[in-house]
Amino acid sequence: MTKNPILDELHAAREKLLTDAGGDIDQLVAGIREREARSGHKVVSVPVGGSQITKATGTADHAVSDGKSLSNN
């Protein structure tokens, strides 16, 4: 346990999800992707390294990275 209750809650949620997946990280990821697909929300991937989202206007469609729009519009 940390001294940060938010991190403690986050870590506990992660542990529960992993336990629910039988301790198998591949099952955990598969379950997350399944829930994403069922959600009906658009799921986007943000490039790792160098890029950082600096502005969001409520949806990932309008995210801006390094001053360039990531929108598909």
PDB file of N, CA and C in Angstrom:
ATOM      1  N   MET A   1       0.836  -1.186   0.000  1.00  0.00           N
ATOM      2  CA  MET A   1       0.000   0.000   0.000  1.00  0.00           C
ATOM      3  C   MET A   1       0.881   1.250   0.000  1.00  0.00           C
ATOM      4  N   THR A   2       0.464   2.204  -0.808  1.00  0.00           N
ATOM      5  CA  THR A   2       1.165   3.478  -0.837  1.00  0.00           C
ATOM      6  C   THR A   2       0.472   4.439   0.110  1.00  0.00           C
ATOM      7  N   LYS A   3       0.941   5.641   0.133  1.00  0.00           N
ATOM      8  CA  LYS A   3       0.283   6.683   0.916  1.00  0.00           C
ATOM      9  C   LYS A   3      -0.711   7.450   0.053  1.00  0.00           C
ATOM     10  N   ASN A   4      -0.924   6.974  -1.160  1.00  0.00           N
ATOM     11  CA  ASN A   4      -1.826   7.632  -2.101  1.00  0.00           C
ATOM     12  C   ASN A   4      -3.043   6.740  -2.319  1.00  0.00           C
ATOM     13  N   PRO A   5      -4.211   7.124  -1.785  1.00  0.00           N
ATOM     14  CA  PRO A   5      -5.394   6.267  -1.896  1.00  0.00           C
ATOM     15  C   PRO A   5      -5.855   6.061  -3.347  1.00  0.00           C
ATOM     16  N   ILE A   6      -5.588   6.995  -4.226  1.00  0.00           N
ATOM     17  CA  ILE A   6      -5.978   6.835  -5.625  1.00  0.00           C
ATOM     18  C   ILE A   6      -5.140   5.728  -6.265  1.00  0.00           C
ATOM     19  N   LEU A   7      -3.832   5.759  -6.025  1.00  0.00           N
ATOM     20  CA  LEU A   7      -2.974   4.704  -6.553  1.00  0.00           C
ATOM     21  C   LEU A   7      -3.318   3.356  -5.942  1.00  0.00           C
ATOM     22  N   ASP A   8      -3.633   3.343  -4.652  1.00  0.00           N
ATOM     23  CA  ASP A   8      -4.023   2.096  -3.995  1.00  0.00           C
ATOM     24  C   ASP A   8      -5.258   1.505  -4.669  1.00  0.00           C
ATOM     25  N   GLU A   9      -6.235   2.349  -4.972  1.00  0.00           N
ATOM     26  CA  GLU A   9      -7.462   1.887  -5.635  1.00  0.00           C
ATOM     27  C   GLU A   9      -7.161   1.385  -7.043  1.00  0.00           C
ATOM     28  N   LEU A  10      -6.307   2.093  -7.756  1.00  0.00           N
ATOM     29  CA  LEU A  10      -5.919   1.691  -9.103  1.00  0.00           C
ATOM     30  C   LEU A  10      -5.220   0.332  -9.085  1.00  0.00           C
ATOM     31  N   HIS A  11      -4.291   0.158  -8.158  1.00  0.00           N
ATOM     32  CA  HIS A  11      -3.557  -1.108  -8.054  1.00  0.00           C
ATOM     33  C   HIS A  11      -4.499  -2.249  -7.678  1.00  0.00           C
ATOM     34  N   ALA A  12      -5.445  -1.991  -6.780  1.00  0.00           N
ATOM     35  CA  ALA A  12      -6.406  -3.020  -6.378  1.00  0.00           C
ATOM     36  C   ALA A  12      -7.293  -3.414  -7.561  1.00  0.00           C
ATOM     37  N   ALA A  13      -7.713  -2.433  -8.361  1.00  0.00           N
ATOM     38  CA  ALA A  13      -8.539  -2.730  -9.534  1.00  0.00           C
ATOM     39  C   ALA A  13      -7.750  -3.564 -10.533  1.00  0.00           C
ATOM     40  N   ARG A  14      -6.499  -3.219 -10.750  1.00  0.00           N
ATOM     41  CA  ARG A  14      -5.648  -3.981 -11.670  1.00  0.00           C
ATOM     42  C   ARG A  14      -5.495  -5.416 -11.184  1.00  0.00           C
ATOM     43  N   GLU A  15      -5.255  -5.594  -9.897  1.00  0.00           N
ATOM     44  CA  GLU A  15      -5.105  -6.929  -9.340  1.00  0.00           C
ATOM     45  C   GLU A  15      -6.385  -7.746  -9.488  1.00  0.00           C
ATOM     46  N   LYS A  16      -7.543  -7.112  -9.280  1.00  0.00           N
ATOM     47  CA  LYS A  16      -8.821  -7.823  -9.427  1.00  0.00           C
ATOM     48  C   LYS A  16      -9.023  -8.256 -10.870  1.00  0.00           C
ATOM     49  N   LEU A  17      -8.743  -7.348 -11.829  1.00  0.00           N
ATOM     50  CA  LEU A  17      -8.887  -7.702 -13.240  1.00  0.00           C
ATOM     51  C   LEU A  17      -7.965  -8.866 -13.601  1.00  0.00           C
ATOM     52  N   LEU A  18      -6.740  -8.835 -13.102  1.00  0.00           N
ATOM     53  CA  LEU A  18      -5.798  -9.903 -13.389  1.00  0.00           C
ATOM     54  C   LEU A  18      -6.249 -11.216 -12.742  1.00  0.00           C
ATOM     55  N   THR A  19      -6.753 -11.140 -11.533  1.00  0.00           N
ATOM     56  CA  THR A  19      -7.270 -12.330 -10.850  1.00  0.00           C
ATOM     57  C   THR A  19      -8.454 -12.903 -11.621  1.00  0.00           C
ATOM     58  N   ASP A  20      -9.372 -12.028 -12.057  1.00  0.00           N
ATOM     59  CA  ASP A  20     -10.534 -12.463 -12.837  1.00  0.00           C
ATOM     60  C   ASP A  20     -10.121 -13.130 -14.148  1.00  0.00           C
ATOM     61  N   ALA A  21      -8.948 -12.774 -14.659  1.00  0.00           N
ATOM     62  CA  ALA A  21      -8.429 -13.358 -15.897  1.00  0.00           C
ATOM     63  C   ALA A  21      -7.585 -14.606 -15.600  1.00  0.00           C
ATOM     64  N   GLY A  22      -7.671 -15.104 -14.391  1.00  0.00           N
ATOM     65  CA  GLY A  22      -6.930 -16.309 -14.023  1.00  0.00           C
ATOM     66  C   GLY A  22      -5.438 -16.083 -13.904  1.00  0.00           C
ATOM     67  N   GLY A  23      -5.032 -14.825 -13.721  1.00  0.00           N
ATOM     68  CA  GLY A  23      -3.611 -14.513 -13.588  1.00  0.00           C
ATOM     69  C   GLY A  23      -2.873 -14.518 -14.913  1.00  0.00           C
ATOM     70  N   ASP A  24      -3.613 -14.632 -16.004  1.00  0.00           N
ATOM     71  CA  ASP A  24      -3.017 -14.719 -17.340  1.00  0.00           C
ATOM     72  C   ASP A  24      -3.111 -13.359 -18.029  1.00  0.00           C
ATOM     73  N   ILE A  25      -1.965 -12.729 -18.279  1.00  0.00           N
ATOM     74  CA  ILE A  25      -1.946 -11.393 -18.877  1.00  0.00           C
ATOM     75  C   ILE A  25      -2.576 -11.400 -20.270  1.00  0.00           C
ATOM     76  N   ASP A  26      -2.394 -12.491 -21.018  1.00  0.00           N
ATOM     77  CA  ASP A  26      -2.999 -12.573 -22.350  1.00  0.00           C
ATOM     78  C   ASP A  26      -4.520 -12.596 -22.250  1.00  0.00           C
ATOM     79  N   GLN A  27      -5.053 -13.313 -21.264  1.00  0.00           N
ATOM     80  CA  GLN A  27      -6.504 -13.327 -21.044  1.00  0.00           C
ATOM     81  C   GLN A  27      -6.994 -11.947 -20.610  1.00  0.00           C
ATOM     82  N   LEU A  28      -6.215 -11.269 -19.785  1.00  0.00           N
ATOM     83  CA  LEU A  28      -6.572  -9.923 -19.337  1.00  0.00           C
ATOM     84  C   LEU A  28      -6.686  -8.989 -20.532  1.00  0.00           C
ATOM     85  N   VAL A  29      -5.685  -9.002 -21.402  1.00  0.00           N
ATOM     86  CA  VAL A  29      -5.686  -8.126 -22.579  1.00  0.00           C
ATOM     87  C   VAL A  29      -6.840  -8.485 -23.505  1.00  0.00           C
ATOM     88  N   ALA A  30      -7.085  -9.776 -23.708  1.00  0.00           N
ATOM     89  CA  ALA A  30      -8.194 -10.205 -24.565  1.00  0.00           C
ATOM     90  C   ALA A  30      -9.527  -9.706 -24.003  1.00  0.00           C
ATOM     91  N   GLY A  31      -9.690  -9.781 -22.694  1.00  0.00           N
ATOM     92  CA  GLY A  31     -10.922  -9.297 -22.067  1.00  0.00           C
ATOM     93  C   GLY A  31     -11.089  -7.791 -22.219  1.00  0.00           C
ATOM     94  N   ILE A  32      -9.997  -7.068 -22.083  1.00  0.00           N
ATOM     95  CA  ILE A  32     -10.047  -5.612 -22.241  1.00  0.00           C
ATOM     96  C   ILE A  32     -10.440  -5.270 -23.671  1.00  0.00           C
ATOM     97  N   ARG A  33      -9.834  -5.932 -24.642  1.00  0.00           N
ATOM     98  CA  ARG A  33     -10.158  -5.659 -26.050  1.00  0.00           C
ATOM     99  C   ARG A  33     -11.595  -6.019 -26.367  1.00  0.00           C
ATOM    100  N   GLU A  34     -12.102  -7.088 -25.766  1.00  0.00           N
ATOM    101  CA  GLU A  34     -13.502  -7.478 -25.976  1.00  0.00           C
ATOM    102  C   GLU A  34     -14.445  -6.412 -25.425  1.00  0.00           C
ATOM    103  N   ARG A  35     -14.147  -5.909 -24.221  1.00  0.00           N
ATOM    104  CA  ARG A  35     -14.985  -4.849 -23.635  1.00  0.00           C
ATOM    105  C   ARG A  35     -14.907  -3.573 -24.453  1.00  0.00           C
ATOM    106  N   GLU A  36     -13.728  -3.257 -24.987  1.00  0.00           N
ATOM    107  CA  GLU A  36     -13.605  -2.086 -25.858  1.00  0.00           C
ATOM    108  C   GLU A  36     -14.488  -2.231 -27.084  1.00  0.00           C
ATOM    109  N   ALA A  37     -14.458  -3.404 -27.704  1.00  0.00           N
ATOM    110  CA  ALA A  37     -15.243  -3.643 -28.915  1.00  0.00           C
ATOM    111  C   ALA A  37     -16.741  -3.549 -28.629  1.00  0.00           C
ATOM    112  N   ARG A  38     -17.179  -4.072 -27.491  1.00  0.00           N
ATOM    113  CA  ARG A  38     -18.606  -4.032 -27.136  1.00  0.00           C
ATOM    114  C   ARG A  38     -19.072  -2.650 -26.720  1.00  0.00           C
ATOM    115  N   SER A  39     -18.149  -1.791 -26.319  1.00  0.00           N
ATOM    116  CA  SER A  39     -18.534  -0.488 -25.774  1.00  0.00           C
ATOM    117  C   SER A  39     -19.198   0.414 -26.815  1.00  0.00           C
ATOM    118  N   GLY A  40     -18.866   0.195 -28.085  1.00  0.00           N
ATOM    119  CA  GLY A  40     -19.398   1.058 -29.127  1.00  0.00           C
ATOM    120  C   GLY A  40     -18.623   2.355 -29.285  1.00  0.00           C
ATOM    121  N   HIS A  41     -17.639   2.584 -28.440  1.00  0.00           N
ATOM    122  CA  HIS A  41     -16.810   3.783 -28.525  1.00  0.00           C
ATOM    123  C   HIS A  41     -15.648   3.538 -29.474  1.00  0.00           C
ATOM    124  N   LYS A  42     -15.236   4.578 -30.157  1.00  0.00           N
ATOM    125  CA  LYS A  42     -14.079   4.466 -31.021  1.00  0.00           C
ATOM    126  C   LYS A  42     -12.833   4.346 -30.147  1.00  0.00           C
ATOM    127  N   VAL A  43     -12.016   3.359 -30.424  1.00  0.00           N
ATOM    128  CA  VAL A  43     -10.790   3.146 -29.676  1.00  0.00           C
ATOM    129  C   VAL A  43      -9.628   3.530 -30.580  1.00  0.00           C
ATOM    130  N   VAL A  44      -8.772   4.408 -30.098  1.00  0.00           N
ATOM    131  CA  VAL A  44      -7.625   4.856 -30.886  1.00  0.00           C
ATOM    132  C   VAL A  44      -6.340   4.520 -30.154  1.00  0.00           C
ATOM    133  N   SER A  45      -5.269   4.416 -30.903  1.00  0.00           N
ATOM    134  CA  SER A  45      -3.951   4.191 -30.324  1.00  0.00           C
ATOM    135  C   SER A  45      -3.129   5.456 -30.517  1.00  0.00           C
ATOM    136  N   VAL A  46      -2.455   5.863 -29.473  1.00  0.00           N
ATOM    137  CA  VAL A  46      -1.598   7.044 -29.532  1.00  0.00           C
ATOM    138  C   VAL A  46      -0.164   6.545 -29.683  1.00  0.00           C
ATOM    139  N   PRO A  47       0.598   7.107 -30.614  1.00  0.00           N
ATOM    140  CA  PRO A  47       1.982   6.669 -30.795  1.00  0.00           C
ATOM    141  C   PRO A  47       2.779   6.786 -29.497  1.00  0.00           C
ATOM    142  N   VAL A  48       3.640   5.821 -29.269  1.00  0.00           N
ATOM    143  CA  VAL A  48       4.472   5.803 -28.072  1.00  0.00           C
ATOM    144  C   VAL A  48       5.796   6.490 -28.393  1.00  0.00           C
ATOM    145  N   GLY A  49       6.324   7.244 -27.434  1.00  0.00           N
ATOM    146  CA  GLY A  49       7.590   7.947 -27.608  1.00  0.00           C
ATOM    147  C   GLY A  49       7.384   9.251 -28.345  1.00  0.00           C
ATOM    148  N   GLY A  50       8.150  10.205 -28.144  1.00  0.00           N
ATOM    149  CA  GLY A  50       8.132  11.475 -28.845  1.00  0.00           C
ATOM    150  C   GLY A  50       6.821  12.227 -28.882  1.00  0.00           C
ATOM    151  N   SER A  51       5.698  11.556 -29.095  1.00  0.00           N
ATOM    152  CA  SER A  51       4.411  12.234 -29.206  1.00  0.00           C
ATOM    153  C   SER A  51       3.700  12.262 -27.865  1.00  0.00           C
ATOM    154  N   GLN A  52       2.998  13.332 -27.638  1.00  0.00           N
ATOM    155  CA  GLN A  52       2.238  13.460 -26.409  1.00  0.00           C
ATOM    156  C   GLN A  52       0.975  14.234 -26.730  1.00  0.00           C
ATOM    157  N   ILE A  53      -0.162  13.747 -26.245  1.00  0.00           N
ATOM    158  CA  ILE A  53      -1.405  14.487 -26.455  1.00  0.00           C
ATOM    159  C   ILE A  53      -1.339  15.743 -25.607  1.00  0.00           C
ATOM    160  N   THR A  54      -1.525  16.885 -26.245  1.00  0.00           N
ATOM    161  CA  THR A  54      -1.446  18.150 -25.522  1.00  0.00           C
ATOM    162  C   THR A  54      -2.802  18.812 -25.390  1.00  0.00           C
ATOM    163  N   LYS A  55      -3.777  18.348 -26.166  1.00  0.00           N
ATOM    164  CA  LYS A  55      -5.097  18.956 -26.095  1.00  0.00           C
ATOM    165  C   LYS A  55      -6.130  17.921 -26.501  1.00  0.00           C
ATOM    166  N   ALA A  56      -7.212  17.852 -25.764  1.00  0.00           N
ATOM    167  CA  ALA A  56      -8.312  16.978 -26.140  1.00  0.00           C
ATOM    168  C   ALA A  56      -9.608  17.743 -25.941  1.00  0.00           C
ATOM    169  N   THR A  57     -10.530  17.560 -26.848  1.00  0.00           N
ATOM    170  CA  THR A  57     -11.793  18.283 -26.767  1.00  0.00           C
ATOM    171  C   THR A  57     -12.949  17.331 -26.520  1.00  0.00           C
ATOM    172  N   GLY A  58     -12.718  16.314 -25.733  1.00  0.00           N
ATOM    173  CA  GLY A  58     -13.791  15.412 -25.363  1.00  0.00           C
ATOM    174  C   GLY A  58     -13.739  14.068 -26.066  1.00  0.00           C
ATOM    175  N   THR A  59     -13.165  13.999 -27.248  1.00  0.00           N
ATOM    176  CA  THR A  59     -13.031  12.717 -27.925  1.00  0.00           C
ATOM    177  C   THR A  59     -11.639  12.624 -28.520  1.00  0.00           C
ATOM    178  N   ALA A  60     -11.213  11.408 -28.722  1.00  0.00           N
ATOM    179  CA  ALA A  60      -9.875  11.192 -29.281  1.00  0.00           C
ATOM    180  C   ALA A  60      -9.788  11.695 -30.711  1.00  0.00           C
ATOM    181  N   ASP A  61     -10.932  11.827 -31.399  1.00  0.00           N
ATOM    182  CA  ASP A  61     -10.911  12.315 -32.782  1.00  0.00           C
ATOM    183  C   ASP A  61     -10.292  13.700 -32.879  1.00  0.00           C
ATOM    184  N   HIS A  62     -10.374  14.459 -31.809  1.00  0.00           N
ATOM    185  CA  HIS A  62      -9.920  15.841 -31.842  1.00  0.00           C
ATOM    186  C   HIS A  62      -8.608  16.039 -31.098  1.00  0.00           C
ATOM    187  N   ALA A  63      -7.949  14.938 -30.756  1.00  0.00           N
ATOM    188  CA  ALA A  63      -6.688  15.049 -30.017  1.00  0.00           C
ATOM    189  C   ALA A  63      -5.629  15.698 -30.897  1.00  0.00           C
ATOM    190  N   VAL A  64      -4.737  16.415 -30.263  1.00  0.00           N
ATOM    191  CA  VAL A  64      -3.642  17.070 -30.975  1.00  0.00           C
ATOM    192  C   VAL A  64      -2.331  16.548 -30.402  1.00  0.00           C
ATOM    193  N   SER A  65      -1.430  16.151 -31.248  1.00  0.00           N
ATOM    194  CA  SER A  65      -0.135  15.646 -30.823  1.00  0.00           C
ATOM    195  C   SER A  65       0.941  16.441 -31.535  1.00  0.00           C
ATOM    196  N   ASP A  66       1.819  17.048 -30.768  1.00  0.00           N
ATOM    197  CA  ASP A  66       2.905  17.853 -31.338  1.00  0.00           C
ATOM    198  C   ASP A  66       2.376  18.880 -32.332  1.00  0.00           C
ATOM    199  N   GLY A  67       1.188  19.418 -32.051  1.00  0.00           N
ATOM    200  CA  GLY A  67       0.631  20.477 -32.897  1.00  0.00           C
ATOM    201  C   GLY A  67      -0.041  19.980 -34.156  1.00  0.00           C
ATOM    202  N   LYS A  68      -0.086  18.670 -34.385  1.00  0.00           N
ATOM    203  CA  LYS A  68      -0.714  18.120 -35.581  1.00  0.00           C
ATOM    204  C   LYS A  68      -1.972  17.369 -35.182  1.00  0.00           C
ATOM    205  N   SER A  69      -3.059  17.577 -35.888  1.00  0.00           N
ATOM    206  CA  SER A  69      -4.315  16.926 -35.579  1.00  0.00           C
ATOM    207  C   SER A  69      -4.214  15.430 -35.856  1.00  0.00           C
ATOM    208  N   LEU A  70      -4.766  14.634 -34.962  1.00  0.00           N
ATOM    209  CA  LEU A  70      -4.837  13.197 -35.172  1.00  0.00           C
ATOM    210  C   LEU A  70      -6.196  12.801 -35.723  1.00  0.00           C
ATOM    211  N   SER A  71      -7.024  13.781 -36.027  1.00  0.00           N
ATOM    212  CA  SER A  71      -8.376  13.518 -36.493  1.00  0.00           C
ATOM    213  C   SER A  71      -8.362  12.846 -37.861  1.00  0.00           C
ATOM    214  N   ASN A  72      -9.339  11.969 -38.045  1.00  0.00           N
ATOM    215  CA  ASN A  72      -9.505  11.323 -39.347  1.00  0.00           C
ATOM    216  C   ASN A  72     -10.354  12.168 -40.274  1.00  0.00           C
ATOM    217  N   ASN A  73     -10.785  13.333 -39.821  1.00  0.00           N
ATOM    218  CA  ASN A  73     -11.659  14.190 -40.631  1.00  0.00           C
ATOM    219  C   ASN A  73     -10.870  14.941 -41.676  1.00  0.00           C
TER     220      ASN A  73
END
